């Protein structure tokens, strides 16, 4: 699990062999959420929760 970024205790990470769409996990203590990164034609378009 490569850590991308850490900010005020929030840890942003991803798993390299996981499913589509591209998404980022964010953890704080025992809590976790996932954000999907929506791309169109190679360009970033939207973040979905």
Protein backbone atom coordinates (compact mmCIF):
# COMPACT_ATOMS: atom_id res chain seq x y z
CA UNK A 1 0.00 0.00 0.00
CA UNK A 2 1.97 3.05 -1.18
CA UNK A 3 1.22 6.15 0.87
CA UNK A 4 0.64 9.14 -1.39
CA UNK A 5 0.26 11.92 1.16
CA UNK A 6 -0.30 12.56 4.87
CA UNK A 7 -2.03 15.70 6.15
CA UNK A 8 -3.21 16.37 9.73
CA UNK A 9 -3.37 12.63 10.40
CA UNK A 10 -5.25 11.81 7.16
CA UNK A 11 -3.36 9.16 5.21
CA UNK A 12 -3.99 9.01 1.44
CA UNK A 13 -2.97 5.74 -0.23
CA UNK A 14 -3.74 3.31 -3.06
CA UNK A 15 -3.29 -0.35 -3.97
CA UNK A 16 -1.47 -0.80 -7.28
CA UNK A 17 -3.41 -3.90 -8.49
CA UNK A 18 -6.92 -2.85 -7.52
CA UNK A 19 -10.07 -2.52 -9.65
CA UNK A 20 -11.25 0.32 -11.89
CA UNK A 21 -12.22 3.16 -11.65
CA UNK A 22 -9.03 4.68 -10.28
CA UNK A 23 -9.56 5.51 -6.63
CA UNK A 24 -7.73 6.69 -3.52
CA UNK A 25 -8.25 5.42 0.02
CA UNK A 26 -8.15 7.93 2.88
CA UNK A 27 -7.77 6.78 6.49
CA UNK A 28 -7.87 8.50 9.85
CA UNK A 29 -7.44 6.13 12.77
CA UNK A 30 -9.93 3.27 12.32
CA UNK A 31 -12.06 5.17 9.78
CA UNK A 32 -11.60 4.91 6.01
CA UNK A 33 -13.28 6.24 2.87
CA UNK A 34 -12.61 5.88 -0.85
CA UNK A 35 -12.69 8.56 -3.56
CA UNK A 36 -12.96 7.68 -7.24
CA UNK A 37 -10.98 9.79 -9.71
CA UNK A 38 -12.93 10.11 -12.96
CA UNK A 39 -10.83 10.58 -16.09
CA UNK A 40 -12.00 11.28 -19.66
CA UNK A 41 -9.64 11.19 -22.63
CA UNK A 42 -6.65 11.21 -20.27
CA UNK A 43 -7.84 14.32 -18.42
CA UNK A 44 -9.06 14.60 -14.83
CA UNK A 45 -12.79 15.45 -14.75
CA UNK A 46 -14.33 14.67 -11.36
CA UNK A 47 -13.97 13.21 -7.85
CA UNK A 48 -16.79 10.92 -6.66
CA UNK A 49 -17.32 9.68 -3.15
